[in-house]
C-alpha atoms as a PDB file:
ATOM      1  CA  MET A   1      94.859 137.929  71.300  1.00  0.00           C
ATOM      2  CA  SER A   2      95.223 134.236  72.180  1.00  0.00           C
ATOM      3  CA  ASP A   3      94.420 133.277  75.743  1.00  0.00           C
ATOM      4  CA  GLN A   4      96.664 130.211  75.461  1.00  0.00           C
ATOM      5  CA  LEU A   5      99.253 129.926  78.233  1.00  0.00           C
ATOM      6  CA  ILE A   6     102.837 129.199  77.179  1.00  0.00           C
ATOM      7  CA  ILE A   7     105.089 127.343  79.600  1.00  0.00           C
ATOM      8  CA  GLY A   8     108.812 126.879  79.098  1.00  0.00           C
ATOM      9  CA  VAL A   9     110.069 123.448  80.177  1.00  0.00           C
ATOM     10  CA  THR A  10     113.835 123.015  80.414  1.00  0.00           C
ATOM     11  CA  ASP A  11     115.418 120.378  78.221  1.00  0.00           C
ATOM     12  CA  CYS A  12     116.406 117.056  79.814  1.00  0.00           C
ATOM     13  CA  SER A  13     116.578 113.357  78.952  1.00  0.00           C
ATOM     14  CA  LYS A  14     113.008 112.772  80.218  1.00  0.00           C
ATOM     15  CA  PHE A  15     111.591 115.975  78.711  1.00  0.00           C
ATOM     16  CA  ASP A  16     108.500 114.248  77.240  1.00  0.00           C
ATOM     17  CA  ILE A  17     107.294 113.115  80.691  1.00  0.00           C
ATOM     18  CA  TYR A  18     107.458 116.679  82.034  1.00  0.00           C
ATOM     19  CA  ARG A  19     105.826 118.138  78.929  1.00  0.00           C
ATOM     20  CA  ASN A  20     102.967 115.630  79.076  1.00  0.00           C
ATOM     21  CA  TRP A  21     102.405 116.382  82.765  1.00  0.00           C
ATOM     22  CA  VAL A  22     102.338 120.137  82.149  1.00  0.00           C
ATOM     23  CA  LEU A  23      99.784 119.602  79.359  1.00  0.00           C
ATOM     24  CA  SER A  24      97.762 116.910  81.150  1.00  0.00           C
ATOM     25  CA  TYR A  25      95.325 118.904  83.281  1.00  0.00           C
ATOM     26  CA  ASN A  26      94.679 121.862  81.025  1.00  0.00           C
ATOM     27  CA  LYS A  27      93.925 121.998  77.304  1.00  0.00           C
ATOM     28  CA  ASN A  28      94.742 125.704  77.158  1.00  0.00           C
ATOM     29  CA  VAL A  29      98.494 125.265  77.619  1.00  0.00           C
ATOM     30  CA  ALA A  30     101.348 125.055  75.113  1.00  0.00           C
ATOM     31  CA  VAL A  31     104.927 124.040  75.935  1.00  0.00           C
ATOM     32  CA  ILE A  32     108.235 125.427  74.643  1.00  0.00           C
ATOM     33  CA  GLN A  33     111.334 123.290  75.186  1.00  0.00           C
ATOM     34  CA  LEU A  34     114.201 125.483  76.456  1.00  0.00           C
ATOM     35  CA  GLY A  35     117.841 124.408  76.466  1.00  0.00           C
ATOM     36  CA  TYR A  36     121.361 125.411  75.549  1.00  0.00           C
ATOM     37  CA  LYS A  37     121.530 122.621  72.932  1.00  0.00           C
ATOM     38  CA  LEU A  38     118.546 124.243  71.207  1.00  0.00           C
ATOM     39  CA  ASN A  39     120.214 127.663  71.410  1.00  0.00           C
ATOM     40  CA  ASN A  40     116.810 129.239  72.042  1.00  0.00           C
ATOM     41  CA  PHE A  41     117.121 131.274  75.232  1.00  0.00           C
ATOM     42  CA  ASP A  42     115.193 134.160  73.660  1.00  0.00           C
ATOM     43  CA  ASP A  43     112.074 131.960  73.510  1.00  0.00           C
ATOM     44  CA  ILE A  44     111.784 132.594  77.259  1.00  0.00           C
ATOM     45  CA  LYS A  45     110.259 135.969  76.363  1.00  0.00           C
ATOM     46  CA  LYS A  46     107.189 134.114  75.041  1.00  0.00           C
ATOM     47  CA  CYS A  47     106.758 132.116  78.276  1.00  0.00           C
ATOM     48  CA  ASP A  48     104.185 132.784  80.999  1.00  0.00           C
ATOM     49  CA  GLY A  49     105.791 130.275  83.373  1.00  0.00           C
ATOM     50  CA  ILE A  50     108.843 128.015  83.650  1.00  0.00           C
ATOM     51  CA  VAL A  51     109.300 124.413  84.824  1.00  0.00           C
ATOM     52  CA  LEU A  52     112.881 123.533  85.782  1.00  0.00           C
ATOM     53  CA  THR A  53     113.211 119.790  85.237  1.00  0.00           C
ATOM     54  CA  GLY A  54     115.279 116.985  86.769  1.00  0.00           C
ATOM     55  CA  GLY A  55     118.535 115.529  85.513  1.00  0.00           C
ATOM     56  CA  GLU A  56     122.253 116.028  86.030  1.00  0.00           C
ATOM     57  CA  ASP A  57     124.129 116.909  89.217  1.00  0.00           C
ATOM     58  CA  VAL A  58     124.916 120.603  89.584  1.00  0.00           C
ATOM     59  CA  ASN A  59     128.678 121.147  89.382  1.00  0.00           C
ATOM     60  CA  PRO A  60     129.874 121.914  92.955  1.00  0.00           C
ATOM     61  CA  ARG A  61     132.160 124.634  91.640  1.00  0.00           C
ATOM     62  CA  PHE A  62     129.036 126.759  91.237  1.00  0.00           C
ATOM     63  CA  TYR A  63     128.516 126.682  95.008  1.00  0.00           C
ATOM     64  CA  ASN A  64     132.226 127.104  95.798  1.00  0.00           C
ATOM     65  CA  LEU A  65     132.810 123.528  96.970  1.00  0.00           C
ATOM     66  CA  PRO A  66     134.765 122.044  94.013  1.00  0.00           C
ATOM     67  CA  GLU A  67     136.125 119.362  96.360  1.00  0.00           C
ATOM     68  CA  TYR A  68     132.631 117.801  96.328  1.00  0.00           C
ATOM     69  CA  TYR A  69     132.996 116.959  92.630  1.00  0.00           C
ATOM     70  CA  HIS A  70     134.117 113.366  93.231  1.00  0.00           C
ATOM     71  CA  TYR A  71     130.814 112.678  95.044  1.00  0.00           C
ATOM     72  CA  CYS A  72     128.926 113.572  91.846  1.00  0.00           C
ATOM     73  CA  HIS A  73     128.097 111.114  89.094  1.00  0.00           C
ATOM     74  CA  GLU A  74     130.869 112.238  86.763  1.00  0.00           C
ATOM     75  CA  ASP A  75     129.072 111.241  83.578  1.00  0.00           C
ATOM     76  CA  ASP A  76     126.110 113.234  84.852  1.00  0.00           C
ATOM     77  CA  VAL A  77     127.406 116.804  85.228  1.00  0.00           C
ATOM     78  CA  ASP A  78     126.687 119.427  82.589  1.00  0.00           C
ATOM     79  CA  ASP A  79     128.148 122.889  83.246  1.00  0.00           C
ATOM     80  CA  GLN A  80     126.445 124.363  80.193  1.00  0.00           C
ATOM     81  CA  ARG A  81     123.054 123.262  81.434  1.00  0.00           C
ATOM     82  CA  ASP A  82     123.807 124.738  84.874  1.00  0.00           C
ATOM     83  CA  GLU A  83     124.779 128.067  83.306  1.00  0.00           C
ATOM     84  CA  PHE A  84     121.738 128.098  81.020  1.00  0.00           C
ATOM     85  CA  GLU A  85     119.362 127.498  83.929  1.00  0.00           C
ATOM     86  CA  PHE A  86     121.037 130.157  86.102  1.00  0.00           C
ATOM     87  CA  LYS A  87     120.354 132.528  83.202  1.00  0.00           C
ATOM     88  CA  VAL A  88     116.712 131.344  83.122  1.00  0.00           C
ATOM     89  CA  LEU A  89     116.367 132.103  86.846  1.00  0.00           C
ATOM     90  CA  GLU A  90     117.999 135.494  86.391  1.00  0.00           C
ATOM     91  CA  TYR A  91     115.344 136.271  83.776  1.00  0.00           C
ATOM     92  CA  THR A  92     112.391 134.941  85.803  1.00  0.00           C
ATOM     93  CA  GLU A  93     113.469 136.891  88.905  1.00  0.00           C
ATOM     94  CA  ALA A  94     113.918 140.112  86.912  1.00  0.00           C
ATOM     95  CA  ASN A  95     110.627 139.724  85.039  1.00  0.00           C
ATOM     96  CA  GLY A  96     108.340 138.162  87.648  1.00  0.00           C
ATOM     97  CA  VAL A  97     107.803 134.876  85.772  1.00  0.00           C
ATOM     98  CA  PRO A  98     106.342 131.991  87.888  1.00  0.00           C
ATOM     99  CA  VAL A  99     108.719 129.047  88.394  1.00  0.00           C
ATOM    100  CA  LEU A 100     108.133 125.451  89.442  1.00  0.00           C
ATOM    101  CA  GLY A 101     111.382 123.565  90.110  1.00  0.00           C
ATOM    102  CA  ILE A 102     111.389 119.761  90.213  1.00  0.00           C
ATOM    103  CA  CYS A 103     114.236 117.649  91.695  1.00  0.00           C
ATOM    104  CA  ARG A 104     117.366 119.084  90.034  1.00  0.00           C
ATOM    105  CA  GLY A 105     115.215 122.195  89.457  1.00  0.00           C
ATOM    106  CA  MET A 106     115.066 122.691  93.233  1.00  0.00           C
ATOM    107  CA  GLN A 107     118.825 122.095  93.547  1.00  0.00           C
ATOM    108  CA  VAL A 108     119.852 124.460  90.742  1.00  0.00           C
ATOM    109  CA  ALA A 109     117.552 127.166  92.146  1.00  0.00           C
ATOM    110  CA  ASN A 110     119.048 126.770  95.622  1.00  0.00           C
ATOM    111  CA  VAL A 111     122.546 127.229  94.163  1.00  0.00           C
ATOM    112  CA  PHE A 112     121.351 130.233  92.124  1.00  0.00           C
ATOM    113  CA  PHE A 113     120.192 131.916  95.353  1.00  0.00           C
ATOM    114  CA  GLY A 114     123.560 131.237  97.020  1.00  0.00           C
ATOM    115  CA  GLY A 115     122.862 127.914  98.752  1.00  0.00           C
ATOM    116  CA  THR A 116     124.888 124.698  98.782  1.00  0.00           C
ATOM    117  CA  LEU A 117     124.084 121.035  98.075  1.00  0.00           C
ATOM    118  CA  ILE A 118     124.695 117.689  99.747  1.00  0.00           C
ATOM    119  CA  PRO A 119     126.499 115.957  96.854  1.00  0.00           C
ATOM    120  CA  ASP A 120     125.614 112.416  97.947  1.00  0.00           C
ATOM    121  CA  ILE A 121     122.881 111.894 100.553  1.00  0.00           C
ATOM    122  CA  ALA A 122     123.842 108.352 101.619  1.00  0.00           C
ATOM    123  CA  THR A 123     127.495 109.385 102.157  1.00  0.00           C
ATOM    124  CA  TRP A 124     126.254 112.218 104.379  1.00  0.00           C
ATOM    125  CA  GLY A 125     124.690 109.580 106.665  1.00  0.00           C
ATOM    126  CA  LYS A 126     121.035 109.807 105.618  1.00  0.00           C
ATOM    127  CA  PHE A 127     118.708 107.167 104.185  1.00  0.00           C
ATOM    128  CA  ASP A 128     119.144 106.293 100.519  1.00  0.00           C
ATOM    129  CA  HIS A 129     116.914 108.556  98.414  1.00  0.00           C
ATOM    130  CA  SER A 130     117.937 107.178  95.025  1.00  0.00           C
ATOM    131  CA  LYS A 131     115.903 104.855  92.804  1.00  0.00           C
ATOM    132  CA  MET A 132     115.254 101.233  93.753  1.00  0.00           C
ATOM    133  CA  PRO A 133     117.492  98.413  92.400  1.00  0.00           C
ATOM    134  CA  ASP A 134     114.869  97.680  89.698  1.00  0.00           C
ATOM    135  CA  ASN A 135     115.073 101.349  88.545  1.00  0.00           C
ATOM    136  CA  SER A 136     111.621 102.225  89.903  1.00  0.00           C
ATOM    137  CA  ASP A 137     111.088 105.271  92.106  1.00  0.00           C
ATOM    138  CA  ARG A 138     111.565 104.888  95.844  1.00  0.00           C
ATOM    139  CA  TYR A 139     108.621 106.155  97.964  1.00  0.00           C
ATOM    140  CA  HIS A 140     108.777 107.746 101.416  1.00  0.00           C
ATOM    141  CA  GLU A 141     106.730 109.992 103.657  1.00  0.00           C
ATOM    142  CA  ILE A 142     107.241 113.742 103.929  1.00  0.00           C
ATOM    143  CA  ILE A 143     106.194 116.201 106.612  1.00  0.00           C
ATOM    144  CA  VAL A 144     104.826 119.529 105.358  1.00  0.00           C
ATOM    145  CA  ASN A 145     105.349 122.587 107.552  1.00  0.00           C
ATOM    146  CA  PRO A 146     101.818 123.464 108.792  1.00  0.00           C
ATOM    147  CA  SER A 147     102.510 127.197 108.470  1.00  0.00           C
ATOM    148  CA  SER A 148     104.007 126.997 104.962  1.00  0.00           C
ATOM    149  CA  TRP A 149     102.546 128.271 101.738  1.00  0.00           C
ATOM    150  CA  LEU A 150     103.008 124.730 100.336  1.00  0.00           C
ATOM    151  CA  ASN A 151     100.669 123.471 103.085  1.00  0.00           C
ATOM    152  CA  ARG A 152      97.921 125.760 101.786  1.00  0.00           C
ATOM    153  CA  ILE A 153      98.411 124.260  98.311  1.00  0.00           C
ATOM    154  CA  VAL A 154      98.387 120.571  99.311  1.00  0.00           C
ATOM    155  CA  ASN A 155      96.025 121.002 102.320  1.00  0.00           C
ATOM    156  CA  THR A 156      97.794 118.327 104.363  1.00  0.00           C
ATOM    157  CA  ASP A 157     100.633 118.043 106.876  1.00  0.00           C
ATOM    158  CA  LYS A 158     102.074 114.847 105.450  1.00  0.00           C
ATOM    159  CA  GLY A 159     102.037 112.580 102.442  1.00  0.00           C
ATOM    160  CA  LEU A 160     103.795 109.923 100.398  1.00  0.00           C
ATOM    161  CA  VAL A 161     106.071 111.036  97.557  1.00  0.00           C
ATOM    162  CA  ASN A 162     108.456 109.388  95.124  1.00  0.00           C
ATOM    163  CA  SER A 163     112.209 109.754  95.321  1.00  0.00           C
ATOM    164  CA  ASN A 164     114.939 109.307  92.728  1.00  0.00           C
ATOM    165  CA  HIS A 165     117.930 111.487  93.610  1.00  0.00           C
ATOM    166  CA  HIS A 166     121.281 111.269  95.384  1.00  0.00           C
ATOM    167  CA  GLN A 167     121.758 115.010  95.960  1.00  0.00           C
ATOM    168  CA  SER A 168     119.744 117.525  97.937  1.00  0.00           C
ATOM    169  CA  THR A 169     119.935 121.042  99.318  1.00  0.00           C
ATOM    170  CA  GLU A 170     122.188 121.673 102.298  1.00  0.00           C
ATOM    171  CA  LYS A 171     122.492 125.367 103.237  1.00  0.00           C
ATOM    172  CA  MET A 172     119.448 127.309 102.026  1.00  0.00           C
ATOM    173  CA  GLY A 173     119.836 129.960  99.374  1.00  0.00           C
ATOM    174  CA  LYS A 174     119.127 133.560 100.412  1.00  0.00           C
ATOM    175  CA  GLY A 175     115.424 134.252 100.776  1.00  0.00           C
ATOM    176  CA  LEU A 176     114.433 130.562 100.700  1.00  0.00           C
ATOM    177  CA  VAL A 177     113.023 128.366 103.455  1.00  0.00           C
ATOM    178  CA  VAL A 178     112.286 124.630 103.719  1.00  0.00           C
ATOM    179  CA  SER A 179     108.569 123.828 103.578  1.00  0.00           C
ATOM    180  CA  ALA A 180     108.695 119.992 103.649  1.00  0.00           C
ATOM    181  CA  LEU A 181     111.110 117.438 105.096  1.00  0.00           C
ATOM    182  CA  SER A 182     111.630 113.699 104.834  1.00  0.00           C
ATOM    183  CA  PRO A 183     111.751 111.841 108.202  1.00  0.00           C
ATOM    184  CA  ASP A 184     115.582 111.791 108.024  1.00  0.00           C
ATOM    185  CA  GLY A 185     115.741 115.561 107.605  1.00  0.00           C
ATOM    186  CA  ILE A 186     116.295 115.974 103.862  1.00  0.00           C
ATOM    187  CA  ALA A 187     114.694 119.120 102.407  1.00  0.00           C
ATOM    188  CA  GLU A 188     111.815 117.946 100.192  1.00  0.00           C
ATOM    189  CA  ALA A 189     110.361 121.346  99.249  1.00  0.00           C
ATOM    190  CA  MET A 190     111.365 124.996  99.458  1.00  0.00           C
ATOM    191  CA  GLU A 191     109.610 128.285  98.974  1.00  0.00           C
ATOM    192  CA  ARG A 192     110.296 131.982  99.504  1.00  0.00           C
ATOM    193  CA  LEU A 193     110.780 133.136 103.080  1.00  0.00           C
ATOM    194  CA  HIS A 194     109.053 136.443 102.207  1.00  0.00           C
ATOM    195  CA  PRO A 195     106.827 135.782  99.165  1.00  0.00           C
ATOM    196  CA  LYS A 196     104.916 139.086  99.282  1.00  0.00           C
ATOM    197  CA  ASP A 197     105.257 140.997  95.972  1.00  0.00           C
ATOM    198  CA  LYS A 198     107.635 138.330  94.595  1.00  0.00           C
ATOM    199  CA  PRO A 199     106.930 135.975  91.679  1.00  0.00           C
ATOM    200  CA  PHE A 200     105.655 132.435  92.345  1.00  0.00           C
ATOM    201  CA  LEU A 201     108.538 130.094  93.220  1.00  0.00           C
ATOM    202  CA  LEU A 202     107.844 126.541  94.341  1.00  0.00           C
ATOM    203  CA  LEU A 203     110.649 123.984  94.515  1.00  0.00           C
ATOM    204  CA  VAL A 204     110.052 120.279  95.182  1.00  0.00           C
ATOM    205  CA  GLN A 205     112.410 117.332  95.425  1.00  0.00           C
ATOM    206  CA  TRP A 206     109.891 114.675  94.358  1.00  0.00           C
ATOM    207  CA  HIS A 207     108.599 114.060  90.829  1.00  0.00           C
ATOM    208  CA  PRO A 208     104.935 115.165  90.567  1.00  0.00           C
ATOM    209  CA  GLU A 209     105.021 114.320  86.850  1.00  0.00           C
ATOM    210  CA  ARG A 210     105.336 110.610  87.612  1.00  0.00           C
ATOM    211  CA  LEU A 211     103.725 110.080  91.011  1.00  0.00           C
ATOM    212  CA  LYS A 212     101.496 106.984  91.036  1.00  0.00           C
ATOM    213  CA  ASP A 213      98.636 109.153  92.319  1.00  0.00           C
ATOM    214  CA  GLN A 214      98.301 111.830  89.631  1.00  0.00           C
ATOM    215  CA  GLN A 215      95.045 113.088  91.165  1.00  0.00           C
ATOM    216  CA  GLY A 216      96.569 113.503  94.641  1.00  0.00           C
ATOM    217  CA  PRO A 217      97.599 116.825  96.182  1.00  0.00           C
ATOM    218  CA  PHE A 218     101.336 116.334  95.599  1.00  0.00           C
ATOM    219  CA  SER A 219     100.826 116.266  91.839  1.00  0.00           C
ATOM    220  CA  LYS A 220      97.491 117.807  90.831  1.00  0.00           C
ATOM    221  CA  ASN A 221      97.387 120.593  93.451  1.00  0.00           C
ATOM    222  CA  LEU A 222     100.920 121.685  92.556  1.00  0.00           C
ATOM    223  CA  HIS A 223      99.978 121.811  88.896  1.00  0.00           C
ATOM    224  CA  GLU A 224      96.816 123.802  89.602  1.00  0.00           C
ATOM    225  CA  ALA A 225      98.606 126.324  91.856  1.00  0.00           C
ATOM    226  CA  PHE A 226     101.319 126.817  89.241  1.00  0.00           C
ATOM    227  CA  ILE A 227      98.853 127.235  86.336  1.00  0.00           C
ATOM    228  CA  GLN A 228      96.820 129.712  88.372  1.00  0.00           C
ATOM    229  CA  GLU A 229      99.934 131.880  88.842  1.00  0.00           C
ATOM    230  CA  VAL A 230     100.887 131.454  85.179  1.00  0.00           C
ATOM    231  CA  ARG A 231      97.422 132.692  84.202  1.00  0.00           C
ATOM    232  CA  LYS A 232      97.794 135.729  86.493  1.00  0.00           C
ATOM    233  CA  PHE A 233     101.170 136.554  84.991  1.00  0.00           C
ATOM    234  CA  ALA A 234      99.840 136.190  81.424  1.00  0.00           C
ATOM    235  CA  SER A 235      96.927 138.532  82.173  1.00  0.00           C
ATOM    236  CA  ARG A 236      99.363 141.249  83.281  1.00  0.00           C
ATOM    237  CA  LYS A 237     101.497 141.070  80.122  1.00  0.00           C
END
């Protein structure tokens, strides 16, 4: 039996960047691209872990606030992707598969668990969290809850992360809790409120796959913690 770990990475416009990051620290990993356009949901059964990637705004109708739709980037909403990723989360929850959610991945997971989103951060009176005018990532500090599980992964109470998003979580989904905040109070990471006997679930708003410091705790440590859980899951299969 092969001891190679297989990680499903959800399809998006920047898929290659996520795939390369998943593969970058560990030669014993293979990636399967998962998406409704590929019509390959059943491939999830081969996966030992899932990365939910960034991308489109989640349609506010899925969190019962359809009136928020006009705050979304209208050319950047994909109901079919939302539905596909809800199905992915349904599967991972039922089967104990480890999940790392990045940017939109954090938002779609929050909605899946019954939470809501801020559809446009700047309109809601917070600092701008979207990309810089030259299209590069914005950078800002985050505060990590000292008693959080995330804190044990990154081993620090604060750090500098990149930012390229105009939406964020508002009301937390059931069973989730914020584990990192930006100085203006935007949720930057979430985890399970009661993780005991539940599968690994780590949700972050920043982009570890393209942080300038790839060896720093907010990229490498996340990757290592995720792979460790993926390995545990694979060994139980």
